[in-house]
Amino acid sequence: MTTSTRSSSAPTLRQVRPALWRVLREDGTLAGYIEGAEPVRFESVRFEARRLVASTRQVVGLGHFASIDDAMLCFS
């Protein structure tokens, strides 16, 4: 399992399977997910960021990104 931290106040990534990461807030609560997608013909790998809306327990798509770092910016 891989863990990555960008800075002390930034969210943390916790890998749950090869192409799926949980995004955790500084206090350890779940902020959302980032999922990597296989490249489609002539495209690079894409990462989809999804935020957890705690009050409704729904997951809302935030967009597709060219890098996992770009996807992480949605949670900063």
PDB file of N, CA and C in Angstrom:
ATOM      1  N   MET A   1       0.846  -1.178   0.000  1.00  0.00           N
ATOM      2  CA  MET A   1       0.000   0.000   0.000  1.00  0.00           C
ATOM      3  C   MET A   1       0.891   1.240   0.000  1.00  0.00           C
ATOM      4  N   THR A   2       0.552   2.231  -0.782  1.00  0.00           N
ATOM      5  CA  THR A   2       1.368   3.430  -0.915  1.00  0.00           C
ATOM      6  C   THR A   2       0.679   4.604  -0.238  1.00  0.00           C
ATOM      7  N   THR A   3       1.450   5.395   0.481  1.00  0.00           N
ATOM      8  CA  THR A   3       0.932   6.608   1.103  1.00  0.00           C
ATOM      9  C   THR A   3       1.799   7.765   0.646  1.00  0.00           C
ATOM     10  N   SER A   4       1.168   8.888   0.346  1.00  0.00           N
ATOM     11  CA  SER A   4       1.889  10.055  -0.135  1.00  0.00           C
ATOM     12  C   SER A   4       1.324  11.288   0.534  1.00  0.00           C
ATOM     13  N   THR A   5       2.200  12.195   0.956  1.00  0.00           N
ATOM     14  CA  THR A   5       1.763  13.449   1.549  1.00  0.00           C
ATOM     15  C   THR A   5       2.420  14.592   0.816  1.00  0.00           C
ATOM     16  N   ARG A   6       1.645  15.609   0.461  1.00  0.00           N
ATOM     17  CA  ARG A   6       2.173  16.748  -0.280  1.00  0.00           C
ATOM     18  C   ARG A   6       2.722  17.815   0.663  1.00  0.00           C
ATOM     19  N   SER A   7       2.016  18.173   1.708  1.00  0.00           N
ATOM     20  CA  SER A   7       2.487  19.101   2.728  1.00  0.00           C
ATOM     21  C   SER A   7       1.691  18.829   3.976  1.00  0.00           C
ATOM     22  N   SER A   8       2.037  19.476   5.095  1.00  0.00           N
ATOM     23  CA  SER A   8       1.395  19.155   6.364  1.00  0.00           C
ATOM     24  C   SER A   8      -0.096  19.458   6.376  1.00  0.00           C
ATOM     25  N   SER A   9      -0.579  20.432   5.601  1.00  0.00           N
ATOM     26  CA  SER A   9      -2.006  20.748   5.607  1.00  0.00           C
ATOM     27  C   SER A   9      -2.729  20.219   4.377  1.00  0.00           C
ATOM     28  N   ALA A  10      -2.004  19.592   3.471  1.00  0.00           N
ATOM     29  CA  ALA A  10      -2.614  19.062   2.250  1.00  0.00           C
ATOM     30  C   ALA A  10      -3.186  17.676   2.515  1.00  0.00           C
ATOM     31  N   PRO A  11      -4.137  17.272   1.706  1.00  0.00           N
ATOM     32  CA  PRO A  11      -4.678  15.920   1.837  1.00  0.00           C
ATOM     33  C   PRO A  11      -3.606  14.855   1.595  1.00  0.00           C
ATOM     34  N   THR A  12      -3.886  13.649   2.066  1.00  0.00           N
ATOM     35  CA  THR A  12      -2.994  12.508   1.924  1.00  0.00           C
ATOM     36  C   THR A  12      -3.648  11.482   1.014  1.00  0.00           C
ATOM     37  N   LEU A  13      -2.841  10.807   0.209  1.00  0.00           N
ATOM     38  CA  LEU A  13      -3.343   9.727  -0.631  1.00  0.00           C
ATOM     39  C   LEU A  13      -3.043   8.394   0.028  1.00  0.00           C
ATOM     40  N   ARG A  14      -4.014   7.487  -0.023  1.00  0.00           N
ATOM     41  CA  ARG A  14      -3.817   6.117   0.445  1.00  0.00           C
ATOM     42  C   ARG A  14      -4.288   5.186  -0.665  1.00  0.00           C
ATOM     43  N   GLN A  15      -3.367   4.421  -1.231  1.00  0.00           N
ATOM     44  CA  GLN A  15      -3.719   3.542  -2.338  1.00  0.00           C
ATOM     45  C   GLN A  15      -4.500   2.346  -1.810  1.00  0.00           C
ATOM     46  N   VAL A  16      -5.654   2.062  -2.439  1.00  0.00           N
ATOM     47  CA  VAL A  16      -6.477   0.928  -2.015  1.00  0.00           C
ATOM     48  C   VAL A  16      -6.443  -0.219  -3.019  1.00  0.00           C
ATOM     49  N   ARG A  17      -6.095   0.065  -4.257  1.00  0.00           N
ATOM     50  CA  ARG A  17      -5.836  -0.944  -5.286  1.00  0.00           C
ATOM     51  C   ARG A  17      -5.005  -0.269  -6.370  1.00  0.00           C
ATOM     52  N   PRO A  18      -4.526  -1.010  -7.373  1.00  0.00           N
ATOM     53  CA  PRO A  18      -3.573  -0.420  -8.322  1.00  0.00           C
ATOM     54  C   PRO A  18      -3.971   0.918  -8.951  1.00  0.00           C
ATOM     55  N   ALA A  19      -5.231   1.160  -9.215  1.00  0.00           N
ATOM     56  CA  ALA A  19      -5.605   2.414  -9.882  1.00  0.00           C
ATOM     57  C   ALA A  19      -6.636   3.207  -9.089  1.00  0.00           C
ATOM     58  N   LEU A  20      -6.674   3.032  -7.751  1.00  0.00           N
ATOM     59  CA  LEU A  20      -7.629   3.761  -6.921  1.00  0.00           C
ATOM     60  C   LEU A  20      -6.969   4.214  -5.626  1.00  0.00           C
ATOM     61  N   TRP A  21      -7.138   5.511  -5.323  1.00  0.00           N
ATOM     62  CA  TRP A  21      -6.586   6.094  -4.108  1.00  0.00           C
ATOM     63  C   TRP A  21      -7.686   6.774  -3.322  1.00  0.00           C
ATOM     64  N   ARG A  22      -7.649   6.656  -1.997  1.00  0.00           N
ATOM     65  CA  ARG A  22      -8.506   7.447  -1.118  1.00  0.00           C
ATOM     66  C   ARG A  22      -7.784   8.747  -0.845  1.00  0.00           C
ATOM     67  N   VAL A  23      -8.538   9.836  -0.806  1.00  0.00           N
ATOM     68  CA  VAL A  23      -7.978  11.135  -0.446  1.00  0.00           C
ATOM     69  C   VAL A  23      -8.459  11.423   0.978  1.00  0.00           C
ATOM     70  N   LEU A  24      -7.507  11.562   1.896  1.00  0.00           N
ATOM     71  CA  LEU A  24      -7.824  11.784   3.301  1.00  0.00           C
ATOM     72  C   LEU A  24      -7.451  13.202   3.712  1.00  0.00           C
ATOM     73  N   ARG A  25      -8.354  13.830   4.465  1.00  0.00           N
ATOM     74  CA  ARG A  25      -8.057  15.157   5.019  1.00  0.00           C
ATOM     75  C   ARG A  25      -7.007  15.036   6.110  1.00  0.00           C
ATOM     76  N   GLU A  26      -6.513  16.163   6.556  1.00  0.00           N
ATOM     77  CA  GLU A  26      -5.486  16.191   7.596  1.00  0.00           C
ATOM     78  C   GLU A  26      -5.939  15.452   8.862  1.00  0.00           C
ATOM     79  N   ASP A  27      -7.251  15.523   9.172  1.00  0.00           N
ATOM     80  CA  ASP A  27      -7.760  14.858  10.373  1.00  0.00           C
ATOM     81  C   ASP A  27      -8.062  13.375  10.148  1.00  0.00           C
ATOM     82  N   GLY A  28      -7.781  12.860   8.947  1.00  0.00           N
ATOM     83  CA  GLY A  28      -7.965  11.453   8.647  1.00  0.00           C
ATOM     84  C   GLY A  28      -9.323  11.085   8.067  1.00  0.00           C
ATOM     85  N   THR A  29     -10.232  12.047   7.945  1.00  0.00           N
ATOM     86  CA  THR A  29     -11.539  11.751   7.365  1.00  0.00           C
ATOM     87  C   THR A  29     -11.436  11.682   5.845  1.00  0.00           C
ATOM     88  N   LEU A  30     -12.361  10.937   5.257  1.00  0.00           N
ATOM     89  CA  LEU A  30     -12.364  10.725   3.819  1.00  0.00           C
ATOM     90  C   LEU A  30     -12.874  11.960   3.085  1.00  0.00           C
ATOM     91  N   ALA A  31     -12.061  12.470   2.143  1.00  0.00           N
ATOM     92  CA  ALA A  31     -12.455  13.624   1.324  1.00  0.00           C
ATOM     93  C   ALA A  31     -12.989  13.175  -0.025  1.00  0.00           C
ATOM     94  N   GLY A  32     -12.486  12.049  -0.533  1.00  0.00           N
ATOM     95  CA  GLY A  32     -12.923  11.568  -1.834  1.00  0.00           C
ATOM     96  C   GLY A  32     -11.978  10.517  -2.373  1.00  0.00           C
ATOM     97  N   TYR A  33     -12.007  10.375  -3.704  1.00  0.00           N
ATOM     98  CA  TYR A  33     -11.220   9.350  -4.374  1.00  0.00           C
ATOM     99  C   TYR A  33     -10.586   9.907  -5.637  1.00  0.00           C
ATOM    100  N   ILE A  34      -9.479   9.294  -6.019  1.00  0.00           N
ATOM    101  CA  ILE A  34      -8.884   9.538  -7.331  1.00  0.00           C
ATOM    102  C   ILE A  34      -8.703   8.175  -7.974  1.00  0.00           C
ATOM    103  N   GLU A  35      -9.212   8.061  -9.197  1.00  0.00           N
ATOM    104  CA  GLU A  35      -9.104   6.800  -9.922  1.00  0.00           C
ATOM    105  C   GLU A  35      -8.346   7.029 -11.212  1.00  0.00           C
ATOM    106  N   GLY A  36      -7.378   6.180 -11.459  1.00  0.00           N
ATOM    107  CA  GLY A  36      -6.610   6.245 -12.693  1.00  0.00           C
ATOM    108  C   GLY A  36      -7.284   5.412 -13.760  1.00  0.00           C
ATOM    109  N   ALA A  37      -7.267   5.891 -14.981  1.00  0.00           N
ATOM    110  CA  ALA A  37      -7.876   5.173 -16.100  1.00  0.00           C
ATOM    111  C   ALA A  37      -6.792   4.792 -17.088  1.00  0.00           C
ATOM    112  N   GLU A  38      -6.985   3.662 -17.712  1.00  0.00           N
ATOM    113  CA  GLU A  38      -6.055   3.233 -18.760  1.00  0.00           C
ATOM    114  C   GLU A  38      -6.095   4.229 -19.908  1.00  0.00           C
ATOM    115  N   PRO A  39      -4.955   4.444 -20.560  1.00  0.00           N
ATOM    116  CA  PRO A  39      -4.962   5.365 -21.698  1.00  0.00           C
ATOM    117  C   PRO A  39      -5.864   4.852 -22.819  1.00  0.00           C
ATOM    118  N   VAL A  40      -6.568   5.761 -23.414  1.00  0.00           N
ATOM    119  CA  VAL A  40      -7.372   5.449 -24.583  1.00  0.00           C
ATOM    120  C   VAL A  40      -6.507   5.791 -25.784  1.00  0.00           C
ATOM    121  N   ARG A  41      -6.760   5.194 -26.880  1.00  0.00           N
ATOM    122  CA  ARG A  41      -5.936   5.375 -28.082  1.00  0.00           C
ATOM    123  C   ARG A  41      -5.480   6.827 -28.262  1.00  0.00           C
ATOM    124  N   PHE A  42      -4.176   7.024 -28.322  1.00  0.00           N
ATOM    125  CA  PHE A  42      -3.520   8.323 -28.540  1.00  0.00           C
ATOM    126  C   PHE A  42      -3.739   9.318 -27.404  1.00  0.00           C
ATOM    127  N   GLU A  43      -4.169   8.870 -26.255  1.00  0.00           N
ATOM    128  CA  GLU A  43      -4.327   9.763 -25.092  1.00  0.00           C
ATOM    129  C   GLU A  43      -3.438   9.268 -23.966  1.00  0.00           C
ATOM    130  N   SER A  44      -3.111  10.149 -23.042  1.00  0.00           N
ATOM    131  CA  SER A  44      -2.311   9.767 -21.889  1.00  0.00           C
ATOM    132  C   SER A  44      -3.226   9.212 -20.787  1.00  0.00           C
ATOM    133  N   VAL A  45      -2.604   8.669 -19.761  1.00  0.00           N
ATOM    134  CA  VAL A  45      -3.367   8.184 -18.611  1.00  0.00           C
ATOM    135  C   VAL A  45      -4.121   9.356 -18.015  1.00  0.00           C
ATOM    136  N   ARG A  46      -5.346   9.103 -17.610  1.00  0.00           N
ATOM    137  CA  ARG A  46      -6.168  10.164 -17.024  1.00  0.00           C
ATOM    138  C   ARG A  46      -6.541   9.764 -15.607  1.00  0.00           C
ATOM    139  N   PHE A  47      -6.732  10.771 -14.769  1.00  0.00           N
ATOM    140  CA  PHE A  47      -7.121  10.563 -13.385  1.00  0.00           C
ATOM    141  C   PHE A  47      -8.429  11.289 -13.136  1.00  0.00           C
ATOM    142  N   GLU A  48      -9.392  10.584 -12.550  1.00  0.00           N
ATOM    143  CA  GLU A  48     -10.678  11.187 -12.232  1.00  0.00           C
ATOM    144  C   GLU A  48     -10.750  11.448 -10.733  1.00  0.00           C
ATOM    145  N   ALA A  49     -11.040  12.699 -10.376  1.00  0.00           N
ATOM    146  CA  ALA A  49     -11.207  13.077  -8.968  1.00  0.00           C
ATOM    147  C   ALA A  49     -12.689  13.087  -8.631  1.00  0.00           C
ATOM    148  N   ARG A  50     -13.025  12.491  -7.481  1.00  0.00           N
ATOM    149  CA  ARG A  50     -14.407  12.458  -7.013  1.00  0.00           C
ATOM    150  C   ARG A  50     -14.439  12.823  -5.539  1.00  0.00           C
ATOM    151  N   ARG A  51     -15.283  13.785  -5.197  1.00  0.00           N
ATOM    152  CA  ARG A  51     -15.395  14.265  -3.810  1.00  0.00           C
ATOM    153  C   ARG A  51     -16.567  13.579  -3.119  1.00  0.00           C
ATOM    154  N   LEU A  52     -16.359  13.203  -1.859  1.00  0.00           N
ATOM    155  CA  LEU A  52     -17.422  12.650  -1.036  1.00  0.00           C
ATOM    156  C   LEU A  52     -18.171  13.800  -0.375  1.00  0.00           C
ATOM    157  N   VAL A  53     -19.482  13.852  -0.557  1.00  0.00           N
ATOM    158  CA  VAL A  53     -20.328  14.846   0.111  1.00  0.00           C
ATOM    159  C   VAL A  53     -20.857  14.156   1.371  1.00  0.00           C
ATOM    160  N   ALA A  54     -20.252  14.468   2.505  1.00  0.00           N
ATOM    161  CA  ALA A  54     -20.517  13.739   3.749  1.00  0.00           C
ATOM    162  C   ALA A  54     -21.978  13.797   4.179  1.00  0.00           C
ATOM    163  N   SER A  55     -22.627  14.926   3.991  1.00  0.00           N
ATOM    164  CA  SER A  55     -24.011  15.063   4.458  1.00  0.00           C
ATOM    165  C   SER A  55     -24.968  14.146   3.706  1.00  0.00           C
ATOM    166  N   THR A  56     -24.634  13.790   2.474  1.00  0.00           N
ATOM    167  CA  THR A  56     -25.511  12.926   1.677  1.00  0.00           C
ATOM    168  C   THR A  56     -24.878  11.580   1.379  1.00  0.00           C
ATOM    169  N   ARG A  57     -23.591  11.424   1.700  1.00  0.00           N
ATOM    170  CA  ARG A  57     -22.822  10.213   1.424  1.00  0.00           C
ATOM    171  C   ARG A  57     -22.764   9.893  -0.068  1.00  0.00           C
ATOM    172  N   GLN A  58     -22.887  10.927  -0.907  1.00  0.00           N
ATOM    173  CA  GLN A  58     -22.768  10.758  -2.350  1.00  0.00           C
ATOM    174  C   GLN A  58     -21.360  11.125  -2.786  1.00  0.00           C
ATOM    175  N   VAL A  59     -20.969  10.573  -3.906  1.00  0.00           N
ATOM    176  CA  VAL A  59     -19.676  10.898  -4.508  1.00  0.00           C
ATOM    177  C   VAL A  59     -19.953  11.692  -5.775  1.00  0.00           C
ATOM    178  N   VAL A  60     -19.331  12.880  -5.881  1.00  0.00           N
ATOM    179  CA  VAL A  60     -19.561  13.792  -6.995  1.00  0.00           C
ATOM    180  C   VAL A  60     -18.281  13.908  -7.813  1.00  0.00           C
ATOM    181  N   GLY A  61     -18.379  13.706  -9.113  1.00  0.00           N
ATOM    182  CA  GLY A  61     -17.221  13.836  -9.997  1.00  0.00           C
ATOM    183  C   GLY A  61     -16.747  15.275 -10.088  1.00  0.00           C
ATOM    184  N   LEU A  62     -15.433  15.456 -10.015  1.00  0.00           N
ATOM    185  CA  LEU A  62     -14.841  16.793 -10.099  1.00  0.00           C
ATOM    186  C   LEU A  62     -14.135  17.036 -11.424  1.00  0.00           C
ATOM    187  N   GLY A  63     -13.845  15.985 -12.150  1.00  0.00           N
ATOM    188  CA  GLY A  63     -13.204  16.149 -13.443  1.00  0.00           C
ATOM    189  C   GLY A  63     -12.133  15.119 -13.704  1.00  0.00           C
ATOM    190  N   HIS A  64     -11.594  15.162 -14.922  1.00  0.00           N
ATOM    191  CA  HIS A  64     -10.515  14.286 -15.357  1.00  0.00           C
ATOM    192  C   HIS A  64      -9.253  15.119 -15.517  1.00  0.00           C
ATOM    193  N   PHE A  65      -8.120  14.549 -15.129  1.00  0.00           N
ATOM    194  CA  PHE A  65      -6.862  15.286 -15.104  1.00  0.00           C
ATOM    195  C   PHE A  65      -5.752  14.452 -15.715  1.00  0.00           C
ATOM    196  N   ALA A  66      -4.726  15.129 -16.214  1.00  0.00           N
ATOM    197  CA  ALA A  66      -3.601  14.464 -16.855  1.00  0.00           C
ATOM    198  C   ALA A  66      -2.627  13.862 -15.841  1.00  0.00           C
ATOM    199  N   SER A  67      -2.635  14.358 -14.602  1.00  0.00           N
ATOM    200  CA  SER A  67      -1.733  13.817 -13.583  1.00  0.00           C
ATOM    201  C   SER A  67      -2.470  13.713 -12.250  1.00  0.00           C
ATOM    202  N   ILE A  68      -1.948  12.855 -11.407  1.00  0.00           N
ATOM    203  CA  ILE A  68      -2.552  12.685 -10.087  1.00  0.00           C
ATOM    204  C   ILE A  68      -2.348  13.943  -9.243  1.00  0.00           C
ATOM    205  N   ASP A  69      -1.254  14.654  -9.474  1.00  0.00           N
ATOM    206  CA  ASP A  69      -1.020  15.918  -8.754  1.00  0.00           C
ATOM    207  C   ASP A  69      -2.075  16.952  -9.110  1.00  0.00           C
ATOM    208  N   ASP A  70      -2.436  17.030 -10.393  1.00  0.00           N
ATOM    209  CA  ASP A  70      -3.492  17.958 -10.806  1.00  0.00           C
ATOM    210  C   ASP A  70      -4.819  17.578 -10.167  1.00  0.00           C
ATOM    211  N   ALA A  71      -5.107  16.276 -10.104  1.00  0.00           N
ATOM    212  CA  ALA A  71      -6.357  15.816  -9.484  1.00  0.00           C
ATOM    213  C   ALA A  71      -6.372  16.147  -7.991  1.00  0.00           C
ATOM    214  N   MET A  72      -5.226  16.071  -7.329  1.00  0.00           N
ATOM    215  CA  MET A  72      -5.136  16.371  -5.898  1.00  0.00           C
ATOM    216  C   MET A  72      -5.466  17.836  -5.601  1.00  0.00           C
ATOM    217  N   LEU A  73      -5.214  18.736  -6.545  1.00  0.00           N
ATOM    218  CA  LEU A  73      -5.483  20.147  -6.319  1.00  0.00           C
ATOM    219  C   LEU A  73      -6.963  20.406  -6.032  1.00  0.00           C
ATOM    220  N   CYS A  74      -7.845  19.535  -6.476  1.00  0.00           N
ATOM    221  CA  CYS A  74      -9.287  19.678  -6.199  1.00  0.00           C
ATOM    222  C   CYS A  74      -9.599  19.568  -4.719  1.00  0.00           C
ATOM    223  N   PHE A  75      -8.715  18.923  -3.971  1.00  0.00           N
ATOM    224  CA  PHE A  75      -8.961  18.663  -2.559  1.00  0.00           C
ATOM    225  C   PHE A  75      -8.193  19.600  -1.634  1.00  0.00           C
ATOM    226  N   SER A  76      -7.441  20.531  -2.198  1.00  0.00           N
ATOM    227  CA  SER A  76      -6.644  21.467  -1.385  1.00  0.00           C
ATOM    228  C   SER A  76      -7.487  22.601  -0.863  1.00  0.00           C
TER     229      SER A  76
END
